[in-house]
Protein backbone atom coordinates (compact mmCIF):
# COMPACT_ATOMS: atom_id res chain seq x y z
CA MET A 1 0.18 2.50 -0.07
CA CYS A 2 2.88 1.57 -3.54
CA GLY A 3 4.71 -1.92 -3.71
CA ILE A 4 8.59 -2.17 -3.48
CA VAL A 5 11.37 -4.51 -4.53
CA GLY A 6 15.00 -5.03 -4.54
CA VAL A 7 17.22 -7.80 -5.60
CA VAL A 8 20.55 -8.53 -4.76
CA SER A 9 21.76 -12.19 -7.78
CA HIS A 10 24.17 -13.64 -9.34
CA ALA A 11 22.64 -13.34 -13.01
CA PRO A 12 20.98 -10.10 -14.27
CA VAL A 13 17.86 -8.52 -12.29
CA ASN A 14 15.69 -6.42 -14.84
CA GLN A 15 13.05 -9.82 -15.69
CA LEU A 16 13.45 -10.49 -11.53
CA ILE A 17 12.08 -7.75 -10.93
CA TYR A 18 9.22 -6.99 -13.13
CA ASP A 19 7.81 -9.97 -12.90
CA ALA A 20 7.62 -9.21 -8.96
CA LEU A 21 6.12 -5.63 -10.20
CA LEU A 22 3.61 -7.39 -11.89
CA LEU A 23 2.65 -9.70 -9.09
CA LEU A 24 2.53 -5.91 -6.77
CA GLN A 25 0.62 -4.28 -9.15
CA HIS A 26 -2.64 -4.09 -7.27
CA ARG A 27 -0.30 -1.72 -4.44
CA GLY A 28 -0.55 0.97 -7.52
CA GLN A 29 -1.54 1.51 -10.42
CA ASP A 30 -0.44 5.44 -11.15
CA ALA A 31 4.01 4.66 -12.43
CA ALA A 32 6.48 2.38 -11.98
CA GLY A 33 10.15 2.36 -11.51
CA ILE A 34 13.05 0.02 -12.71
CA VAL A 35 16.80 1.25 -11.93
CA THR A 36 19.81 -1.68 -11.85
CA GLN A 37 23.67 -1.03 -11.21
CA GLN A 38 26.18 -2.42 -12.89
CA GLU A 39 29.89 -1.73 -12.46
CA ARG A 40 28.58 1.35 -9.73
CA LYS A 41 26.62 2.51 -12.84
CA PHE A 42 22.70 2.61 -12.54
CA PHE A 43 20.28 2.36 -15.35
CA MET A 44 16.75 4.10 -15.03
CA HIS A 45 13.55 4.01 -16.31
CA LYS A 46 10.38 5.37 -14.84
CA ALA A 47 7.07 6.20 -16.02
CA LYS A 48 3.61 6.73 -15.68
CA GLY A 49 1.46 3.13 -15.98
CA MET A 50 0.85 0.23 -15.84
CA VAL A 51 4.29 -1.89 -15.58
CA ARG A 52 3.06 -3.69 -18.61
CA ASP A 53 3.12 -0.30 -20.10
CA VAL A 54 6.01 1.41 -18.78
CA PHE A 55 9.44 -1.70 -20.11
CA ARG A 56 8.35 -2.50 -23.26
CA THR A 57 11.27 -5.18 -24.03
CA ARG A 58 13.96 -1.49 -24.71
CA ASN A 59 13.74 -0.35 -21.53
CA MET A 60 13.87 -4.04 -20.40
CA ARG A 61 17.88 -4.28 -22.55
CA SER A 62 18.90 -0.84 -21.39
CA LEU A 63 19.03 -2.00 -17.40
CA PRO A 64 21.71 -4.47 -17.42
CA GLY A 65 23.31 -5.41 -13.61
CA ASN A 66 22.39 -7.84 -10.91
CA CYS A 67 20.95 -5.84 -8.44
CA GLY A 68 18.00 -3.24 -8.59
CA LEU A 69 14.93 -1.69 -7.15
CA GLY A 70 11.84 -1.52 -8.40
CA GLN A 71 8.52 0.07 -6.79
CA VAL A 72 4.79 0.68 -8.78
CA ARG A 73 3.10 3.69 -7.48
CA TYR A 74 -0.14 4.91 -6.10
CA PRO A 75 0.79 8.86 -4.87
CA THR A 76 -1.04 10.17 -1.27
CA ALA A 77 1.21 12.83 -1.25
CA GLY A 78 2.56 15.65 -4.00
CA ASN A 79 1.95 15.97 -7.38
CA ALA A 80 -0.36 12.31 -9.17
CA TYR A 81 0.31 13.40 -12.19
CA SER A 82 4.31 14.33 -12.89
CA GLU A 83 6.13 12.27 -14.16
CA GLU A 84 9.12 13.44 -12.38
CA GLU A 85 7.38 11.72 -9.05
CA ALA A 86 7.80 8.26 -9.59
CA GLN A 87 10.32 6.41 -7.95
CA PRO A 88 12.77 5.65 -8.19
CA PHE A 89 14.55 8.60 -6.87
CA TYR A 90 18.57 9.75 -6.43
CA VAL A 91 20.92 11.45 -5.05
CA ASN A 92 24.44 11.20 -5.95
CA ALA A 93 26.11 11.85 -2.45
CA PRO A 94 27.44 10.01 -0.27
CA PHE A 95 28.28 7.22 -3.13
CA GLY A 96 25.49 7.14 -5.33
CA ILE A 97 21.73 6.54 -4.14
CA VAL A 98 18.62 5.57 -5.24
CA LEU A 99 15.48 4.47 -3.28
CA VAL A 100 11.74 3.10 -3.12
CA HIS A 101 9.83 3.97 -0.80
CA ASN A 102 6.04 2.28 0.74
CA GLY A 103 4.49 4.62 3.15
CA ASN A 104 4.23 8.36 3.97
CA LEU A 105 6.25 10.93 6.45
CA THR A 106 4.13 13.29 8.61
CA ASN A 107 6.91 15.15 9.26
CA ALA A 108 7.96 15.86 6.12
CA HIS A 109 6.87 19.59 5.24
CA ALA A 110 9.41 20.05 8.65
CA LEU A 111 12.03 18.22 7.20
CA LYS A 112 12.28 19.97 4.15
CA SER A 113 13.40 22.82 6.06
CA GLU A 114 15.86 20.76 7.76
CA LEU A 115 17.23 19.51 4.84
CA PHE A 116 17.61 23.81 3.58
CA SER A 117 18.24 25.68 5.99
CA THR A 118 21.16 22.70 8.19
CA ASP A 119 21.70 20.05 6.09
CA HIS A 120 21.72 22.00 3.06
CA ARG A 121 20.05 19.62 0.40
CA HIS A 122 18.16 20.63 -2.45
CA ILE A 123 14.50 18.99 -2.53
CA ASN A 124 12.77 19.16 -6.17
CA THR A 125 9.99 17.33 -5.34
CA GLU A 126 6.84 17.32 -3.51
CA SER A 127 7.04 13.84 -3.01
CA ASP A 128 7.97 12.56 0.70
CA SER A 129 9.63 10.41 -0.39
CA GLU A 130 12.76 12.52 -2.17
CA VAL A 131 12.65 14.13 1.92
CA LEU A 132 13.05 10.76 2.70
CA LEU A 133 16.04 9.26 0.58
CA ASN A 134 18.10 13.17 1.61
CA VAL A 135 17.69 12.68 4.95
CA LEU A 136 19.06 9.37 4.86
CA ALA A 137 22.07 10.09 2.03
CA HIS A 138 22.88 13.26 4.76
CA GLU A 139 22.64 10.93 7.52
CA ILE A 140 25.02 8.02 5.92
CA GLU A 141 27.34 10.85 5.13
CA ARG A 142 27.79 11.93 8.36
CA THR A 143 28.92 8.31 9.86
CA THR A 144 31.05 7.33 6.85
CA ARG A 145 33.14 11.44 7.46
CA GLY A 146 34.95 10.47 3.96
CA LEU A 147 35.75 7.29 4.99
CA PRO A 148 35.30 3.28 2.91
CA LEU A 149 31.20 1.94 4.12
CA GLN A 150 31.12 -0.07 6.56
CA ALA A 151 27.36 -2.24 7.76
CA GLN A 152 27.72 -0.50 10.94
CA ASP A 153 27.69 2.35 8.82
CA LEU A 154 24.49 2.12 7.52
CA PHE A 155 22.77 1.18 10.78
CA ALA A 156 24.25 3.80 12.58
CA ALA A 157 22.17 6.26 9.96
CA VAL A 158 19.47 4.01 10.10
CA ARG A 159 18.94 4.95 13.78
CA ASN A 160 19.43 9.02 13.16
CA VAL A 161 17.31 8.91 10.41
CA HIS A 162 14.54 6.40 12.72
CA ARG A 163 15.18 9.78 15.12
CA ARG A 164 14.34 12.77 12.69
CA VAL A 165 11.30 10.69 10.70
CA LYS A 166 7.69 10.38 11.05
CA GLY A 167 5.31 8.76 9.98
CA SER A 168 5.16 5.26 8.09
CA TYR A 169 7.17 3.28 6.21
CA ALA A 170 9.50 1.05 4.66
CA VAL A 171 12.26 1.55 2.99
CA ILE A 172 14.71 -0.59 0.60
CA ALA A 173 17.83 1.90 -1.25
CA LEU A 174 20.78 0.62 -3.60
CA ILE A 175 24.18 1.86 -2.71
CA ALA A 176 26.40 2.53 -5.78
CA GLY A 177 29.24 -0.12 -5.47
CA HIS A 178 27.90 -1.40 -2.33
CA GLY A 179 24.83 -3.33 -1.65
CA VAL A 180 20.81 -2.46 -0.85
CA LEU A 181 19.91 -1.18 2.33
CA ALA A 182 16.67 -1.68 3.18
CA PHE A 183 14.30 -0.77 6.96
CA ARG A 184 11.04 -0.72 8.43
CA ASP A 185 9.35 2.47 9.75
CA PRO A 186 10.02 1.69 13.96
CA PHE A 187 5.95 0.94 14.19
CA GLY A 188 6.16 -2.06 11.36
CA ILE A 189 3.43 0.09 10.06
CA ARG A 190 4.15 -0.75 6.38
CA PRO A 191 5.05 -4.34 5.64
CA LEU A 192 8.04 -5.18 4.32
CA CYS A 193 9.73 -9.22 3.91
CA MET A 194 13.32 -10.76 2.10
CA GLY A 195 13.48 -13.80 0.77
CA THR A 196 16.49 -16.30 -0.18
CA SER A 197 17.06 -18.69 -3.64
CA ASP A 198 20.48 -19.79 -4.26
CA GLY A 199 22.25 -17.47 -3.30
CA SER A 200 20.61 -14.61 -3.80
CA THR A 201 18.26 -12.13 -2.01
CA VAL A 202 14.86 -10.12 -2.46
CA ILE A 203 13.64 -7.58 -0.07
CA ALA A 204 9.95 -6.49 -1.43
CA SER A 205 6.57 -5.09 0.04
CA GLU A 206 4.59 -8.86 -0.13
CA SER A 207 5.71 -12.40 0.37
CA VAL A 208 3.30 -13.10 -3.04
CA ALA A 209 6.11 -11.16 -4.38
CA LEU A 210 9.09 -13.36 -3.15
CA GLU A 211 7.05 -17.20 -4.03
CA GLY A 212 6.04 -16.34 -7.31
CA THR A 213 9.36 -15.56 -8.46
CA GLY A 214 10.59 -18.17 -7.02
CA PHE A 215 12.02 -17.20 -3.03
CA HIS A 216 11.58 -18.82 -0.37
CA LEU A 217 9.73 -15.99 2.44
CA GLU A 218 12.65 -16.37 4.64
CA ARG A 219 11.19 -13.53 6.88
CA ASN A 220 9.47 -10.38 7.65
CA VAL A 221 11.81 -7.16 8.22
CA ALA A 222 11.27 -5.90 11.79
CA PRO A 223 9.88 -2.20 12.59
CA GLY A 224 13.25 -0.10 13.37
CA GLU A 225 15.22 -3.02 11.68
CA ALA A 226 17.65 -3.01 9.03
CA VAL A 227 18.69 -4.96 6.35
CA PHE A 228 22.36 -5.05 4.27
CA VAL A 229 22.71 -6.73 1.62
CA GLU A 230 26.46 -6.47 0.20
CA LEU A 231 26.43 -7.06 -3.42
CA ASN A 232 28.38 -10.81 -2.99
CA GLY A 233 25.18 -11.74 -0.51
CA LYS A 234 26.07 -11.72 2.73
CA VAL A 235 23.54 -10.16 4.51
CA HIS A 236 23.62 -7.83 7.82
CA ALA A 237 20.67 -7.05 9.88
CA GLN A 238 20.51 -4.60 13.18
CA GLN A 239 18.06 -3.16 14.97
CA CYS A 240 18.16 0.22 14.93
CA ALA A 241 15.26 2.01 16.78
CA ASP A 242 14.69 2.60 19.92
CA ALA A 243 11.72 1.51 21.09
CA PRO A 244 10.41 -0.79 18.31
CA GLN A 245 6.76 -2.23 18.40
CA LEU A 246 4.40 -3.54 16.38
CA ASN A 247 1.50 -2.08 14.96
CA PRO A 248 0.54 -3.84 10.95
CA CYS A 249 -2.22 -1.19 9.09
CA ILE A 250 -4.59 -2.68 10.01
CA PHE A 251 -6.44 -2.20 6.02
CA GLU A 252 -3.95 -4.11 4.53
CA PHE A 253 -5.70 -6.98 5.98
CA VAL A 254 -8.93 -6.24 5.12
CA TYR A 255 -7.90 -4.84 1.68
CA LEU A 256 -4.63 -3.58 0.36
CA ALA A 257 -2.80 -7.00 0.52
CA ARG A 258 -2.92 -10.49 -2.19
CA PRO A 259 -4.69 -13.08 -0.10
CA ASP A 260 -2.23 -14.97 -1.06
CA SER A 261 0.10 -13.39 0.47
CA VAL A 262 1.26 -13.69 4.59
CA MET A 263 2.24 -10.57 6.16
CA ASP A 264 3.94 -10.43 9.45
CA ASN A 265 3.46 -13.58 10.16
CA ILE A 266 -0.19 -13.33 9.31
CA SER A 267 -2.28 -15.02 6.51
CA VAL A 268 -4.07 -12.71 4.76
CA TYR A 269 -6.61 -15.14 2.96
CA GLN A 270 -6.84 -16.37 6.89
CA ALA A 271 -7.37 -12.74 8.42
CA ARG A 272 -10.44 -12.30 5.79
CA LEU A 273 -12.05 -15.63 6.45
CA ASN A 274 -11.86 -14.10 10.34
CA LEU A 275 -13.23 -10.95 9.51
CA GLY A 276 -16.53 -13.49 7.42
CA GLU A 277 -16.38 -15.58 10.69
CA SER A 278 -17.13 -11.87 12.58
CA LEU A 279 -18.83 -9.94 10.55
CA ALA A 280 -21.73 -13.51 10.57
CA LYS A 281 -22.53 -12.26 14.14
CA ARG A 282 -23.24 -8.98 13.59
CA VAL A 283 -25.99 -9.92 10.46
CA ILE A 284 -27.10 -11.86 12.12
CA SER A 285 -28.24 -9.42 14.63
CA THR A 286 -29.79 -6.87 12.16
CA VAL A 287 -30.88 -9.05 9.61
CA PRO A 288 -32.97 -12.74 10.29
CA PRO A 289 -30.67 -15.10 7.93
CA ASN A 290 -34.17 -16.67 6.59
CA GLU A 291 -34.76 -13.25 4.88
CA ILE A 292 -31.98 -13.64 2.97
CA ASP A 293 -31.89 -15.70 -0.51
CA VAL A 294 -28.35 -15.08 -1.34
CA VAL A 295 -24.95 -13.33 -0.69
CA ILE A 296 -22.89 -11.51 -2.95
CA PRO A 297 -19.95 -10.40 -2.47
CA ILE A 298 -18.43 -7.22 -4.06
CA PRO A 299 -15.03 -8.60 -5.72
CA GLU A 300 -12.18 -9.01 -4.69
CA SER A 301 -11.00 -8.13 -1.67
CA SER A 302 -14.56 -9.09 0.09
CA ARG A 303 -14.37 -12.86 -0.77
CA PRO A 304 -13.14 -14.65 1.00
CA SER A 305 -14.94 -12.78 3.71
CA ALA A 306 -18.21 -13.48 2.21
CA ALA A 307 -17.53 -16.89 1.51
CA GLN A 308 -17.02 -17.60 4.92
CA LEU A 309 -19.94 -15.43 6.08
CA ALA A 310 -22.52 -17.46 3.88
CA HIS A 311 -21.01 -20.72 4.90
CA LEU A 312 -22.16 -20.46 8.67
CA LEU A 313 -25.32 -19.01 8.56
CA GLY A 314 -26.73 -21.82 5.24
CA LEU A 315 -26.89 -19.49 2.40
CA PRO A 316 -26.15 -19.83 -1.01
CA TYR A 317 -23.11 -17.81 -2.30
CA ARG A 318 -22.72 -16.17 -5.51
CA GLU A 319 -20.95 -14.56 -7.74
CA GLY A 320 -23.39 -11.60 -9.03
CA PHE A 321 -20.59 -9.02 -10.36
CA VAL A 322 -18.26 -9.87 -13.12
CA LYS A 323 -14.90 -7.30 -13.15
CA ASN A 324 -13.57 -5.94 -15.91
CA ARG A 325 -10.27 -7.29 -14.83
CA TYR A 326 -8.24 -3.86 -17.40
CA VAL A 327 -10.17 -0.97 -15.55
CA GLY A 328 -8.24 0.17 -12.49
CA ARG A 329 -9.02 -0.28 -8.77
CA THR A 330 -11.47 2.37 -8.06
CA PHE A 331 -10.33 2.86 -4.56
CA ILE A 332 -6.64 4.09 -5.22
CA MET A 333 -7.83 6.27 -8.39
CA PRO A 334 -6.87 9.93 -8.27
CA GLY A 335 -9.33 12.56 -8.07
CA GLN A 336 -13.68 11.70 -7.38
CA SER A 337 -15.07 12.73 -10.50
CA VAL A 338 -12.86 9.94 -11.96
CA ARG A 339 -13.70 6.93 -9.53
CA LYS A 340 -17.53 8.04 -9.92
CA LYS A 341 -17.18 7.37 -13.73
CA SER A 342 -15.74 4.06 -13.81
CA VAL A 343 -17.31 2.29 -10.76
CA ARG A 344 -19.92 0.31 -13.92
CA GLN A 345 -17.15 0.19 -16.64
CA LYS A 346 -15.56 -1.71 -13.43
CA LEU A 347 -18.61 -4.01 -12.44
CA ASN A 348 -21.46 -5.42 -14.59
CA ALA A 349 -24.18 -7.50 -12.67
CA ILE A 350 -25.30 -11.15 -13.27
CA ALA A 351 -29.83 -10.45 -13.36
CA SER A 352 -30.83 -14.25 -13.31
CA GLU A 353 -28.75 -13.68 -9.87
CA PHE A 354 -30.28 -11.33 -8.10
CA LYS A 355 -34.07 -10.77 -9.89
CA GLY A 356 -36.65 -12.10 -7.28
CA ARG A 357 -34.89 -12.10 -4.36
CA ASN A 358 -33.04 -10.59 -1.00
CA VAL A 359 -29.80 -10.13 -1.41
CA LEU A 360 -26.71 -9.98 1.12
CA LEU A 361 -24.49 -7.37 -0.82
CA VAL A 362 -20.70 -8.42 1.12
CA ASP A 363 -17.87 -5.62 0.67
CA ASP A 364 -14.31 -5.27 1.97
CA SER A 365 -14.67 -1.98 3.86
CA ILE A 366 -17.12 1.27 2.23
CA VAL A 367 -14.83 4.04 2.25
CA ARG A 368 -16.24 6.89 0.38
CA GLY A 369 -19.60 5.88 -0.34
CA THR A 370 -19.75 6.16 -3.81
CA THR A 371 -19.02 3.37 -5.49
CA SER A 372 -21.77 1.17 -2.70
CA LYS A 373 -24.20 3.49 -3.46
CA GLU A 374 -23.49 2.70 -6.89
CA ILE A 375 -23.03 -0.66 -6.37
CA VAL A 376 -26.81 -0.65 -4.51
CA GLN A 377 -28.57 1.14 -7.51
CA MET A 378 -26.94 -1.83 -9.67
CA ALA A 379 -28.42 -4.67 -7.83
CA ARG A 380 -31.76 -2.78 -7.60
CA ASP A 381 -31.37 -1.93 -11.36
CA ALA A 382 -31.47 -5.87 -11.73
CA GLY A 383 -34.33 -6.90 -10.15
CA ALA A 384 -33.78 -8.01 -6.67
CA ARG A 385 -35.95 -6.80 -4.20
CA LYS A 386 -34.06 -6.23 -1.28
CA VAL A 387 -30.51 -5.56 -0.86
CA TYR A 388 -28.58 -5.45 2.52
CA LEU A 389 -25.06 -4.90 2.07
CA ALA A 390 -22.88 -5.89 4.88
CA SER A 391 -19.12 -4.28 5.14
CA ALA A 392 -16.10 -7.00 7.06
CA ALA A 393 -14.51 -3.69 8.18
CA PRO A 394 -15.64 -1.66 10.56
CA PRO A 395 -16.77 2.09 9.78
CA VAL A 396 -14.19 4.27 8.60
CA ARG A 397 -14.63 8.43 10.61
CA TYR A 398 -10.85 9.45 10.45
CA PRO A 399 -8.10 10.40 8.38
CA ASN A 400 -5.69 8.27 7.17
CA VAL A 401 -1.83 9.67 7.54
CA TYR A 402 0.35 7.06 6.96
CA GLY A 403 -0.17 6.17 3.53
CA ILE A 404 -3.33 4.83 1.90
CA ASP A 405 -5.64 7.84 0.44
CA MET A 406 -8.15 8.36 2.97
CA PRO A 407 -7.07 11.95 3.73
CA THR A 408 -9.98 14.42 4.33
CA SER A 409 -12.64 13.80 7.31
CA SER A 410 -14.93 15.04 4.37
CA GLU A 411 -14.74 12.54 1.66
CA LEU A 412 -15.80 9.87 4.86
CA VAL A 413 -19.17 8.71 4.17
CA ALA A 414 -18.83 7.63 8.05
CA HIS A 415 -17.69 10.93 9.23
CA ASN A 416 -19.86 12.25 11.95
CA ARG A 417 -22.91 10.28 10.88
CA THR A 418 -24.31 7.06 12.44
CA ILE A 419 -25.43 4.04 10.68
CA GLU A 420 -28.59 4.81 9.67
CA GLU A 421 -27.88 8.08 7.77
CA ILE A 422 -25.13 6.56 6.01
CA ARG A 423 -28.05 3.62 4.64
CA GLN A 424 -29.69 6.29 3.44
CA LEU A 425 -27.29 7.47 2.09
CA ILE A 426 -26.06 4.48 0.08
CA GLY A 427 -29.66 3.79 -0.24
CA CYS A 428 -30.01 0.39 1.24
CA ASP A 429 -32.27 -1.18 2.88
CA ALA A 430 -30.42 -2.78 5.60
CA LEU A 431 -26.55 -1.50 6.56
CA ILE A 432 -24.48 -4.04 8.63
CA TYR A 433 -20.63 -2.85 10.23
CA GLN A 434 -18.07 -4.92 11.67
CA ASP A 435 -17.03 -3.86 15.20
CA VAL A 436 -13.84 -2.76 15.74
CA ASP A 437 -13.06 -4.79 18.26
CA GLY A 438 -14.32 -7.25 16.49
CA MET A 439 -11.80 -7.41 13.35
CA LYS A 440 -8.40 -6.29 15.45
CA LYS A 441 -9.62 -10.00 17.66
CA ALA A 442 -10.27 -11.18 14.25
CA ILE A 443 -6.59 -10.26 12.86
CA GLY A 444 -4.86 -10.35 15.92
CA SER A 445 -5.45 -14.13 16.96
CA LEU A 446 -4.02 -15.44 13.74
CA ASN A 447 -0.10 -13.55 15.87
CA ALA A 448 -0.19 -13.54 19.43
CA ASN A 449 3.23 -11.39 19.10
CA ILE A 450 0.86 -8.50 17.78
CA ARG A 451 0.37 -6.53 20.31
CA GLY A 452 -1.45 -3.94 18.05
CA PHE A 453 -2.84 -2.09 15.23
CA ASP A 454 -2.23 0.37 14.08
CA ALA A 455 -6.39 1.02 12.66
CA SER A 456 -6.33 5.09 12.43
CA CYS A 457 -8.83 4.95 10.15
CA PHE A 458 -11.67 2.46 12.39
CA ASP A 459 -10.28 4.26 15.58
CA GLY A 460 -8.98 7.17 15.07
CA VAL A 461 -6.04 6.19 16.92
CA TYR A 462 -2.45 6.57 15.10
CA VAL A 463 0.01 4.80 16.32
CA THR A 464 2.90 7.33 15.85
CA GLY A 465 1.26 9.56 19.04
CA ASP A 466 2.60 12.53 17.24
CA ILE A 467 -0.85 13.18 14.90
CA THR A 468 -2.98 16.58 15.83
CA SER A 469 -5.89 18.33 13.88
CA ALA A 470 -3.18 20.82 12.18
CA ASP A 471 -1.22 18.32 10.94
CA ILE A 472 -4.15 16.44 9.40
CA SER A 473 -4.70 19.73 7.76
CA ARG A 474 -1.58 20.20 6.29
CA LEU A 475 -1.07 16.63 5.31
CA ASN A 476 -4.30 17.75 3.11
CA GLU A 477 -2.85 20.24 1.80
CA SER A 478 -0.09 18.28 0.23
CA ARG A 479 -2.17 15.62 -0.81
CA VAL A 480 -2.32 14.49 -4.72
CA GLY A 481 -2.91 16.71 -7.20
CA GLY A 482 -2.65 17.93 -10.11
CA GLU A 483 -4.82 17.45 -14.16
CA ASP A 484 -4.75 15.04 -16.80
CA ASN A 485 -4.67 17.93 -19.26
CA GLN A 486 -1.84 20.18 -16.84
CA GLU A 487 1.09 20.34 -18.19
CA ASP A 488 4.26 20.29 -16.09
CA THR A 489 6.08 22.47 -16.16
CA SER A 490 8.26 21.93 -13.31
CA ARG A 491 10.79 18.77 -14.73
CA LEU A 492 14.85 19.97 -14.58
CA ALA A 493 15.54 16.21 -15.52
CA LEU A 494 15.13 15.00 -19.08
CA PRO A 495 11.75 12.16 -19.75
CA ASN A 496 12.35 8.79 -21.27
CA PRO A 497 12.05 8.46 -24.90
CA ALA A 498 8.34 7.66 -25.73
CA ASP A 499 7.88 4.56 -26.73
């Protein structure tokens, strides 16, 4: 999961991209990067850290031009501590291309071999995004054959990319002197939308990045579709997949996306309200409402679900935890030890809301269980008589291979455990999960055109149809790694100037 944005405008875009990345910061907090173009020359700055820390005034001044790309990174493959793996990535041929990517390629290993032996291209990092960039560059080179670039050439190249690349990918690429190309994988697993304002076009991961910068959400990029925006603002679009079908990642609606976003014509906020409504029925069958004194959400994604659940059950809804907004989301922190350490730094309990009460805590999902266990204990330490825990999502039992950090079964608290075993491990008095069908119905009812979701971490069904246990093991080997104090000796490029 990363956040990406691309802009073609008639005015400088550095501030616009910066503002959009701030609105997408929840999608990645590991690194950030911006590239702009002026007179066929690219200007780039990228580094590890949050957007506000990576870009200072002098960095922004060094990013001139009326078109560009940006990305906030959340690593799922490669080296989480290598600044060189921050995006955008660049190749100088053909034309000069820079690319940002949200998702995860499931056949990156095979593609690396093809790129070396057949395409004669060199990959210098462990990032699958660099693999994707080189596949795209090779296919554009094949379709243009040294001739001037046309939109149809790009669409033919994307068609070939779809045939070679497997997995999830939402991509925005800037082609020097020509414009911005964006495309989405044939299953539409990762989100991508576009909007316009006064002759400018923005393409981004979530609608909030458009609306928050003064753009009107025009539409979603369809699964398999490619969109090319010329530097003069003219937009071309074409379906480039052989058999596209919309199967968006359901975890986007459960947790990843901002509640004020609209993705594939579904309001994320309404989706979470619906999950709360469905969850309320599950709670009634497990814990009688008269045994619950108060409903308390675990900030922040669970709030809409918790509020709707409390409303339907006729129970008080209270804020029992205060979140330190200056600590990153624990779910997307690389390394289990870092995650464990951060929980109590991130949340603090308001004792008066817990003391002597039977509390129902509502979370958006339970992945590894470490955070849930800690929070349940915090509620008990604050004086709760009984602590019930409800999850707006079903048990996470299977690895995710499409760009969410759930790659190993051993890390998932629900894998090969019964609900009772999970309850004992977490330490709550009752544990209530959403069921898979209820979750799909609650969200799917908001868009009749969506026939299915990627819900692989819940149901074990991988929508691309090409994932085996061997693939999962191999992908597990390439997951993020490295240590904070480990020197990165693999760099060939000069780092950004130190602040």
